[in-house]
Amino acid sequence: MFKESDIVLSAKHIVKQFPASHGRTLTACNDINLNVYKGKTLGIVGESGCGKTTCGRTCIGLYSRTDGEVLFKGKDPQKLTGKEKQNYKKSVQMVFQDPYGSLDPRMTVAEIIGEGIDIHHLAKNKKERNERIYHYLELVGLNREHANRFVHEFSGGQRQRIGIARALAVEPEFLVLDEPISALDVSIQAQIVNLLIDLQKRMGLTYLFVAHDLSMVKHISDRVAVLYLGTLVELTTSEELYANPQHPYTRALLSAIP
């Protein structure tokens, strides 16, 4: 099911430290090893402050790593230059936790989604650009009439759909989903997760899904990595994790599910 040839992103012995007061350092991620397979979802779970978001951002290069190695399709993203670096930025996108803070309130929805299309020169003219924007709006369950509105006119669930459309507009292969449902109402969370599952099937996307809600992680993930105090304590398939958790911390997380 998980072939070595299908590895899209490989993280080996990742360490990420931040400077703290009095010359000390804070280790957010310590010796983490992960593989993410093509067309699959790897869930990263743990309580708030355990380092899961830092791990995701370090894996794709938003944070420079302190130590270790990351390879995306066999190449280190931090060593890419020129055209290769531009292609990497197009291939890897992120959906952020806060749909209120991650979208510019001064821009229309069309400007937000169209920004990546412009940067990567994905449309030949204004008509093609607009059609691409409409296509991705409709793909995430919105409609073309929403294109000229501002983000304050939308609900939290709709804003997160706009964030997903923005990420998809540059035709990525790999998405980091940083707690994309935690800021949403419970009734909306399942809709967004089901949308992500449907998009993955239709577009062959690969996901790194960061969350603290184990019930949602089980629903979307093929494999799950459990982080505790910046350390990877368990990594296995979703079914095995729920049926036979090995680490006491994993059992504690499972017991906390309502």
C-alpha atoms as a PDB file:
ATOM      1  CA  MET A   1       0.000   0.000   0.000  1.00  0.00           C
ATOM      2  CA  PHE A   2       2.842   2.390   0.866  1.00  0.00           C
ATOM      3  CA  LYS A   3       5.683   2.004  -1.622  1.00  0.00           C
ATOM      4  CA  GLU A   4       9.050   3.690  -1.226  1.00  0.00           C
ATOM      5  CA  SER A   5       8.819   4.839  -4.841  1.00  0.00           C
ATOM      6  CA  ASP A   6       5.637   6.768  -3.961  1.00  0.00           C
ATOM      7  CA  ILE A   7       7.285   8.955  -1.310  1.00  0.00           C
ATOM      8  CA  VAL A   8       6.656  12.620  -2.145  1.00  0.00           C
ATOM      9  CA  LEU A   9       8.116  14.183   0.974  1.00  0.00           C
ATOM     10  CA  SER A  10      10.658  12.613   3.313  1.00  0.00           C
ATOM     11  CA  ALA A  11      11.743  14.218   6.588  1.00  0.00           C
ATOM     12  CA  LYS A  12      14.723  12.679   8.374  1.00  0.00           C
ATOM     13  CA  HIS A  13      15.852  13.596  11.910  1.00  0.00           C
ATOM     14  CA  ILE A  14      14.170  17.015  11.760  1.00  0.00           C
ATOM     15  CA  VAL A  15      15.068  19.419  14.554  1.00  0.00           C
ATOM     16  CA  LYS A  16      13.618  22.915  14.872  1.00  0.00           C
ATOM     17  CA  GLN A  17      14.718  25.264  17.638  1.00  0.00           C
ATOM     18  CA  PHE A  18      13.696  28.841  18.408  1.00  0.00           C
ATOM     19  CA  PRO A  19      15.728  31.358  20.401  1.00  0.00           C
ATOM     20  CA  ALA A  20      14.411  31.972  23.915  1.00  0.00           C
ATOM     21  CA  SER A  21      15.338  34.407  26.663  1.00  0.00           C
ATOM     22  CA  HIS A  22      18.744  34.503  28.373  1.00  0.00           C
ATOM     23  CA  GLY A  23      20.480  32.843  25.428  1.00  0.00           C
ATOM     24  CA  ARG A  24      18.507  29.629  25.705  1.00  0.00           C
ATOM     25  CA  THR A  25      16.719  27.767  22.925  1.00  0.00           C
ATOM     26  CA  LEU A  26      13.295  26.181  22.717  1.00  0.00           C
ATOM     27  CA  THR A  27      13.172  22.865  20.868  1.00  0.00           C
ATOM     28  CA  ALA A  28       9.798  22.667  19.110  1.00  0.00           C
ATOM     29  CA  CYS A  29      10.603  19.556  17.035  1.00  0.00           C
ATOM     30  CA  ASN A  30      13.178  16.964  18.026  1.00  0.00           C
ATOM     31  CA  ASP A  31      14.481  14.176  15.740  1.00  0.00           C
ATOM     32  CA  ILE A  32      11.303  13.670  13.705  1.00  0.00           C
ATOM     33  CA  ASN A  33      11.189  11.176  10.833  1.00  0.00           C
ATOM     34  CA  LEU A  34       8.232  11.194   8.419  1.00  0.00           C
ATOM     35  CA  ASN A  35       7.338   9.992   4.927  1.00  0.00           C
ATOM     36  CA  VAL A  36       4.339  11.323   3.008  1.00  0.00           C
ATOM     37  CA  TYR A  37       3.148   9.161   0.113  1.00  0.00           C
ATOM     38  CA  LYS A  38       1.687  10.299  -3.193  1.00  0.00           C
ATOM     39  CA  GLY A  39      -2.092  10.652  -3.165  1.00  0.00           C
ATOM     40  CA  LYS A  40      -2.286   9.823   0.555  1.00  0.00           C
ATOM     41  CA  THR A  41      -2.870  11.787   3.745  1.00  0.00           C
ATOM     42  CA  LEU A  42      -0.524  11.807   6.715  1.00  0.00           C
ATOM     43  CA  GLY A  43      -2.179  13.187   9.830  1.00  0.00           C
ATOM     44  CA  ILE A  44      -0.087  14.849  12.552  1.00  0.00           C
ATOM     45  CA  VAL A  45      -1.877  14.990  15.890  1.00  0.00           C
ATOM     46  CA  GLY A  46      -1.168  16.163  19.418  1.00  0.00           C
ATOM     47  CA  GLU A  47      -2.286  18.700  21.974  1.00  0.00           C
ATOM     48  CA  SER A  48      -1.780  22.445  21.529  1.00  0.00           C
ATOM     49  CA  GLY A  49       1.884  23.396  21.799  1.00  0.00           C
ATOM     50  CA  CYS A  50       3.256  19.945  20.964  1.00  0.00           C
ATOM     51  CA  GLY A  51       5.015  21.186  17.803  1.00  0.00           C
ATOM     52  CA  LYS A  52       2.765  19.765  15.096  1.00  0.00           C
ATOM     53  CA  THR A  53       2.297  23.053  13.196  1.00  0.00           C
ATOM     54  CA  THR A  54       6.010  23.820  13.489  1.00  0.00           C
ATOM     55  CA  CYS A  55       6.741  20.347  12.133  1.00  0.00           C
ATOM     56  CA  GLY A  56       4.494  20.907   9.108  1.00  0.00           C
ATOM     57  CA  ARG A  57       5.934  24.328   8.348  1.00  0.00           C
ATOM     58  CA  THR A  58       9.509  23.102   8.756  1.00  0.00           C
ATOM     59  CA  CYS A  59       8.868  20.174   6.418  1.00  0.00           C
ATOM     60  CA  ILE A  60       7.886  22.489   3.563  1.00  0.00           C
ATOM     61  CA  GLY A  61      10.480  25.172   4.293  1.00  0.00           C
ATOM     62  CA  LEU A  62       8.334  27.951   5.792  1.00  0.00           C
ATOM     63  CA  TYR A  63      10.630  27.586   8.789  1.00  0.00           C
ATOM     64  CA  SER A  64      14.306  26.883   8.225  1.00  0.00           C
ATOM     65  CA  ARG A  65      15.237  23.687  10.050  1.00  0.00           C
ATOM     66  CA  THR A  66      17.923  23.622  12.730  1.00  0.00           C
ATOM     67  CA  ASP A  67      19.060  20.127  11.802  1.00  0.00           C
ATOM     68  CA  GLY A  68      18.024  17.138   9.722  1.00  0.00           C
ATOM     69  CA  GLU A  69      17.059  16.667   6.100  1.00  0.00           C
ATOM     70  CA  VAL A  70      13.906  17.203   4.063  1.00  0.00           C
ATOM     71  CA  LEU A  71      13.516  15.923   0.527  1.00  0.00           C
ATOM     72  CA  PHE A  72      10.586  16.789  -1.717  1.00  0.00           C
ATOM     73  CA  LYS A  73      10.565  14.431  -4.701  1.00  0.00           C
ATOM     74  CA  GLY A  74      14.228  13.703  -3.973  1.00  0.00           C
ATOM     75  CA  LYS A  75      15.428  17.310  -3.645  1.00  0.00           C
ATOM     76  CA  ASP A  76      16.046  19.571  -0.660  1.00  0.00           C
ATOM     77  CA  PRO A  77      13.645  22.556  -0.949  1.00  0.00           C
ATOM     78  CA  GLN A  78      16.100  24.853   0.859  1.00  0.00           C
ATOM     79  CA  LYS A  79      18.752  24.241  -1.800  1.00  0.00           C
ATOM     80  CA  LEU A  80      16.580  24.939  -4.841  1.00  0.00           C
ATOM     81  CA  THR A  81      17.194  28.041  -6.927  1.00  0.00           C
ATOM     82  CA  GLY A  82      15.705  29.757  -9.960  1.00  0.00           C
ATOM     83  CA  LYS A  83      13.098  27.861 -11.935  1.00  0.00           C
ATOM     84  CA  GLU A  84      13.239  24.811  -9.644  1.00  0.00           C
ATOM     85  CA  LYS A  85      12.452  26.944  -6.615  1.00  0.00           C
ATOM     86  CA  GLN A  86       9.555  28.614  -8.422  1.00  0.00           C
ATOM     87  CA  ASN A  87       8.147  25.219  -9.427  1.00  0.00           C
ATOM     88  CA  TYR A  88       8.459  23.997  -5.851  1.00  0.00           C
ATOM     89  CA  LYS A  89       6.511  26.984  -4.533  1.00  0.00           C
ATOM     90  CA  LYS A  90       3.812  26.190  -7.060  1.00  0.00           C
ATOM     91  CA  SER A  91       3.749  22.480  -6.168  1.00  0.00           C
ATOM     92  CA  VAL A  92       3.457  22.936  -2.395  1.00  0.00           C
ATOM     93  CA  GLN A  93       0.705  25.060  -0.873  1.00  0.00           C
ATOM     94  CA  MET A  94      -0.724  25.629   2.594  1.00  0.00           C
ATOM     95  CA  VAL A  95      -4.225  26.077   3.998  1.00  0.00           C
ATOM     96  CA  PHE A  96      -4.022  27.980   7.268  1.00  0.00           C
ATOM     97  CA  GLN A  97      -5.875  27.460  10.525  1.00  0.00           C
ATOM     98  CA  ASP A  98      -7.530  30.853  10.793  1.00  0.00           C
ATOM     99  CA  PRO A  99      -9.852  31.678   7.879  1.00  0.00           C
ATOM    100  CA  TYR A 100     -10.295  35.155   9.348  1.00  0.00           C
ATOM    101  CA  GLY A 101      -6.622  36.097   9.594  1.00  0.00           C
ATOM    102  CA  SER A 102      -5.205  34.313   6.535  1.00  0.00           C
ATOM    103  CA  LEU A 103      -7.186  36.271   3.918  1.00  0.00           C
ATOM    104  CA  ASP A 104      -6.501  39.936   3.151  1.00  0.00           C
ATOM    105  CA  PRO A 105      -9.677  41.924   4.014  1.00  0.00           C
ATOM    106  CA  ARG A 106      -8.728  44.644   1.505  1.00  0.00           C
ATOM    107  CA  MET A 107      -8.792  42.268  -1.452  1.00  0.00           C
ATOM    108  CA  THR A 108     -11.777  40.816  -3.268  1.00  0.00           C
ATOM    109  CA  VAL A 109     -12.111  37.043  -3.517  1.00  0.00           C
ATOM    110  CA  ALA A 110     -11.081  37.232  -7.185  1.00  0.00           C
ATOM    111  CA  GLU A 111      -7.913  39.140  -6.256  1.00  0.00           C
ATOM    112  CA  ILE A 112      -7.067  36.637  -3.500  1.00  0.00           C
ATOM    113  CA  ILE A 113      -7.449  33.591  -5.746  1.00  0.00           C
ATOM    114  CA  GLY A 114      -5.984  35.319  -8.791  1.00  0.00           C
ATOM    115  CA  GLU A 115      -2.790  36.407  -7.034  1.00  0.00           C
ATOM    116  CA  GLY A 116      -1.130  32.983  -7.372  1.00  0.00           C
ATOM    117  CA  ILE A 117      -2.358  32.643 -10.951  1.00  0.00           C
ATOM    118  CA  ASP A 118      -0.621  35.929 -11.779  1.00  0.00           C
ATOM    119  CA  ILE A 119       2.623  35.081  -9.965  1.00  0.00           C
ATOM    120  CA  HIS A 120       3.004  31.754 -11.762  1.00  0.00           C
ATOM    121  CA  HIS A 121       1.710  33.046 -15.131  1.00  0.00           C
ATOM    122  CA  LEU A 122      -1.040  30.413 -15.380  1.00  0.00           C
ATOM    123  CA  ALA A 123      -3.428  32.494 -17.495  1.00  0.00           C
ATOM    124  CA  LYS A 124      -2.772  33.962 -20.941  1.00  0.00           C
ATOM    125  CA  ASN A 125      -5.274  36.790 -20.635  1.00  0.00           C
ATOM    126  CA  LYS A 126      -7.883  38.341 -18.328  1.00  0.00           C
ATOM    127  CA  LYS A 127     -10.705  36.146 -19.635  1.00  0.00           C
ATOM    128  CA  GLU A 128      -8.778  32.943 -18.968  1.00  0.00           C
ATOM    129  CA  ARG A 129      -7.766  34.257 -15.552  1.00  0.00           C
ATOM    130  CA  ASN A 130     -11.391  34.936 -14.619  1.00  0.00           C
ATOM    131  CA  GLU A 131     -12.499  31.520 -15.853  1.00  0.00           C
ATOM    132  CA  ARG A 132      -9.852  29.855 -13.696  1.00  0.00           C
ATOM    133  CA  ILE A 133     -11.020  31.839 -10.674  1.00  0.00           C
ATOM    134  CA  TYR A 134     -14.651  30.854 -11.312  1.00  0.00           C
ATOM    135  CA  HIS A 135     -13.642  27.229 -11.805  1.00  0.00           C
ATOM    136  CA  TYR A 136     -11.892  26.998  -8.428  1.00  0.00           C
ATOM    137  CA  LEU A 137     -14.677  28.837  -6.644  1.00  0.00           C
ATOM    138  CA  GLU A 138     -17.194  26.330  -7.964  1.00  0.00           C
ATOM    139  CA  LEU A 139     -14.834  23.460  -7.179  1.00  0.00           C
ATOM    140  CA  VAL A 140     -14.945  24.315  -3.462  1.00  0.00           C
ATOM    141  CA  GLY A 141     -18.704  24.802  -3.364  1.00  0.00           C
ATOM    142  CA  LEU A 142     -19.000  28.547  -3.950  1.00  0.00           C
ATOM    143  CA  ASN A 143     -20.191  30.327  -7.099  1.00  0.00           C
ATOM    144  CA  ARG A 144     -18.876  32.953  -9.479  1.00  0.00           C
ATOM    145  CA  GLU A 145     -21.029  35.702  -7.954  1.00  0.00           C
ATOM    146  CA  HIS A 146     -18.796  35.496  -4.881  1.00  0.00           C
ATOM    147  CA  ALA A 147     -15.724  36.586  -6.848  1.00  0.00           C
ATOM    148  CA  ASN A 148     -16.259  40.336  -6.455  1.00  0.00           C
ATOM    149  CA  ARG A 149     -17.103  40.281  -2.759  1.00  0.00           C
ATOM    150  CA  PHE A 150     -14.789  40.942   0.178  1.00  0.00           C
ATOM    151  CA  VAL A 151     -13.994  38.301   2.770  1.00  0.00           C
ATOM    152  CA  HIS A 152     -15.853  40.034   5.617  1.00  0.00           C
ATOM    153  CA  GLU A 153     -19.085  39.181   3.785  1.00  0.00           C
ATOM    154  CA  PHE A 154     -18.551  35.434   4.266  1.00  0.00           C
ATOM    155  CA  SER A 155     -18.988  32.961   7.098  1.00  0.00           C
ATOM    156  CA  GLY A 156     -16.038  31.066   8.593  1.00  0.00           C
ATOM    157  CA  GLY A 157     -16.747  27.962   6.529  1.00  0.00           C
ATOM    158  CA  GLN A 158     -16.999  29.984   3.322  1.00  0.00           C
ATOM    159  CA  ARG A 159     -13.741  31.779   4.108  1.00  0.00           C
ATOM    160  CA  GLN A 160     -11.971  28.467   4.564  1.00  0.00           C
ATOM    161  CA  ARG A 161     -13.337  27.355   1.187  1.00  0.00           C
ATOM    162  CA  ILE A 162     -11.828  30.529  -0.295  1.00  0.00           C
ATOM    163  CA  GLY A 163      -8.507  29.636   1.347  1.00  0.00           C
ATOM    164  CA  ILE A 164      -8.668  26.173  -0.198  1.00  0.00           C
ATOM    165  CA  ALA A 165      -9.516  27.651  -3.619  1.00  0.00           C
ATOM    166  CA  ARG A 166      -6.529  30.018  -3.327  1.00  0.00           C
ATOM    167  CA  ALA A 167      -4.233  27.063  -2.635  1.00  0.00           C
ATOM    168  CA  LEU A 168      -5.647  24.976  -5.489  1.00  0.00           C
ATOM    169  CA  ALA A 169      -5.524  27.805  -8.039  1.00  0.00           C
ATOM    170  CA  VAL A 170      -1.795  27.263  -8.715  1.00  0.00           C
ATOM    171  CA  GLU A 171      -2.306  23.529  -9.418  1.00  0.00           C
ATOM    172  CA  PRO A 172      -0.311  22.137  -6.467  1.00  0.00           C
ATOM    173  CA  GLU A 173       0.563  18.497  -5.828  1.00  0.00           C
ATOM    174  CA  PHE A 174       1.024  18.751  -2.072  1.00  0.00           C
ATOM    175  CA  LEU A 175      -1.054  20.589   0.538  1.00  0.00           C
ATOM    176  CA  VAL A 176      -0.226  21.236   4.183  1.00  0.00           C
ATOM    177  CA  LEU A 177      -3.532  21.617   5.995  1.00  0.00           C
ATOM    178  CA  ASP A 178      -2.757  23.388   9.262  1.00  0.00           C
ATOM    179  CA  GLU A 179      -5.758  22.681  11.502  1.00  0.00           C
ATOM    180  CA  PRO A 180      -8.111  23.820   8.720  1.00  0.00           C
ATOM    181  CA  ILE A 181     -11.270  23.033  10.706  1.00  0.00           C
ATOM    182  CA  SER A 182     -10.414  23.935  14.316  1.00  0.00           C
ATOM    183  CA  ALA A 183     -11.738  27.512  14.025  1.00  0.00           C
ATOM    184  CA  LEU A 184     -15.041  26.391  12.492  1.00  0.00           C
ATOM    185  CA  ASP A 185     -18.391  25.347  13.944  1.00  0.00           C
ATOM    186  CA  VAL A 186     -18.758  21.613  14.478  1.00  0.00           C
ATOM    187  CA  SER A 187     -21.526  21.446  11.869  1.00  0.00           C
ATOM    188  CA  ILE A 188     -19.195  22.980   9.263  1.00  0.00           C
ATOM    189  CA  GLN A 189     -16.122  20.905  10.120  1.00  0.00           C
ATOM    190  CA  ALA A 190     -17.425  17.702   8.503  1.00  0.00           C
ATOM    191  CA  GLN A 191     -18.359  19.615   5.341  1.00  0.00           C
ATOM    192  CA  ILE A 192     -14.814  20.948   4.950  1.00  0.00           C
ATOM    193  CA  VAL A 193     -13.230  17.550   5.661  1.00  0.00           C
ATOM    194  CA  ASN A 194     -15.525  15.853   3.132  1.00  0.00           C
ATOM    195  CA  LEU A 195     -14.663  18.570   0.590  1.00  0.00           C
ATOM    196  CA  LEU A 196     -10.934  17.912   1.138  1.00  0.00           C
ATOM    197  CA  ILE A 197     -11.422  14.160   0.699  1.00  0.00           C
ATOM    198  CA  ASP A 198     -13.394  14.718  -2.512  1.00  0.00           C
ATOM    199  CA  LEU A 199     -10.750  17.116  -3.901  1.00  0.00           C
ATOM    200  CA  GLN A 200      -7.989  14.637  -3.106  1.00  0.00           C
ATOM    201  CA  LYS A 201      -9.760  11.897  -5.064  1.00  0.00           C
ATOM    202  CA  ARG A 202     -10.554  14.156  -8.014  1.00  0.00           C
ATOM    203  CA  MET A 203      -7.158  15.854  -8.287  1.00  0.00           C
ATOM    204  CA  GLY A 204      -4.744  13.239  -6.923  1.00  0.00           C
ATOM    205  CA  LEU A 205      -3.544  15.550  -4.147  1.00  0.00           C
ATOM    206  CA  THR A 206      -1.210  14.616  -1.303  1.00  0.00           C
ATOM    207  CA  TYR A 207      -1.989  15.988   2.165  1.00  0.00           C
ATOM    208  CA  LEU A 208      -0.141  16.659   5.392  1.00  0.00           C
ATOM    209  CA  PHE A 209      -3.083  17.179   7.763  1.00  0.00           C
ATOM    210  CA  VAL A 210      -2.267  18.865  11.089  1.00  0.00           C
ATOM    211  CA  ALA A 211      -4.951  18.614  13.768  1.00  0.00           C
ATOM    212  CA  HIS A 212      -5.738  17.887  17.389  1.00  0.00           C
ATOM    213  CA  ASP A 213      -9.165  16.351  16.718  1.00  0.00           C
ATOM    214  CA  LEU A 214      -8.486  12.618  16.478  1.00  0.00           C
ATOM    215  CA  SER A 215     -11.965  11.764  15.235  1.00  0.00           C
ATOM    216  CA  MET A 216     -11.501  13.989  12.174  1.00  0.00           C
ATOM    217  CA  VAL A 217      -7.951  12.741  11.648  1.00  0.00           C
ATOM    218  CA  LYS A 218      -9.240   9.171  11.521  1.00  0.00           C
ATOM    219  CA  HIS A 219     -11.798  10.199   8.909  1.00  0.00           C
ATOM    220  CA  ILE A 220      -9.310  11.763   6.505  1.00  0.00           C
ATOM    221  CA  SER A 221      -5.882  10.177   7.176  1.00  0.00           C
ATOM    222  CA  ASP A 222      -4.272   7.026   5.803  1.00  0.00           C
ATOM    223  CA  ARG A 223      -1.444   7.207   8.362  1.00  0.00           C
ATOM    224  CA  VAL A 224      -1.174   9.128  11.629  1.00  0.00           C
ATOM    225  CA  ALA A 225       1.865  10.536  13.442  1.00  0.00           C
ATOM    226  CA  VAL A 226       1.442  11.375  17.135  1.00  0.00           C
ATOM    227  CA  LEU A 227       3.603  14.188  18.543  1.00  0.00           C
ATOM    228  CA  TYR A 228       4.249  14.705  22.239  1.00  0.00           C
ATOM    229  CA  LEU A 229       6.411  17.614  23.443  1.00  0.00           C
ATOM    230  CA  GLY A 230       8.006  17.938  20.010  1.00  0.00           C
ATOM    231  CA  THR A 231       8.854  14.250  19.745  1.00  0.00           C
ATOM    232  CA  LEU A 232       7.294  11.632  17.473  1.00  0.00           C
ATOM    233  CA  VAL A 233       5.976   8.906  19.799  1.00  0.00           C
ATOM    234  CA  GLU A 234       3.869   6.823  17.396  1.00  0.00           C
ATOM    235  CA  LEU A 235       3.449   6.461  13.628  1.00  0.00           C
ATOM    236  CA  THR A 236       1.184   3.888  12.027  1.00  0.00           C
ATOM    237  CA  THR A 237      -1.895   3.460   9.837  1.00  0.00           C
ATOM    238  CA  SER A 238      -5.090   5.142  10.918  1.00  0.00           C
ATOM    239  CA  GLU A 239      -6.848   1.817  11.509  1.00  0.00           C
ATOM    240  CA  GLU A 240      -4.018   0.386  13.597  1.00  0.00           C
ATOM    241  CA  LEU A 241      -3.676   3.536  15.710  1.00  0.00           C
ATOM    242  CA  TYR A 242      -7.313   3.451  16.761  1.00  0.00           C
ATOM    243  CA  ALA A 243      -7.509  -0.312  17.158  1.00  0.00           C
ATOM    244  CA  ASN A 244      -4.221  -0.845  18.969  1.00  0.00           C
ATOM    245  CA  PRO A 245      -2.557   2.351  20.316  1.00  0.00           C
ATOM    246  CA  GLN A 246       0.883   1.625  21.727  1.00  0.00           C
ATOM    247  CA  HIS A 247       1.999   4.774  23.514  1.00  0.00           C
ATOM    248  CA  PRO A 248       0.318   5.957  26.758  1.00  0.00           C
ATOM    249  CA  TYR A 249      -0.017   9.469  25.313  1.00  0.00           C
ATOM    250  CA  THR A 250      -1.866   8.130  22.258  1.00  0.00           C
ATOM    251  CA  ARG A 251      -4.224   6.213  24.545  1.00  0.00           C
ATOM    252  CA  ALA A 252      -4.805   9.392  26.550  1.00  0.00           C
ATOM    253  CA  LEU A 253      -5.665  11.335  23.377  1.00  0.00           C
ATOM    254  CA  LEU A 254      -8.094   8.626  22.271  1.00  0.00           C
ATOM    255  CA  SER A 255      -9.768   8.542  25.684  1.00  0.00           C
ATOM    256  CA  ALA A 256     -10.399  12.294  25.404  1.00  0.00           C
ATOM    257  CA  ILE A 257     -12.523  11.969  22.250  1.00  0.00           C
ATOM    258  CA  PRO A 258     -16.137  12.933  23.177  1.00  0.00           C
END
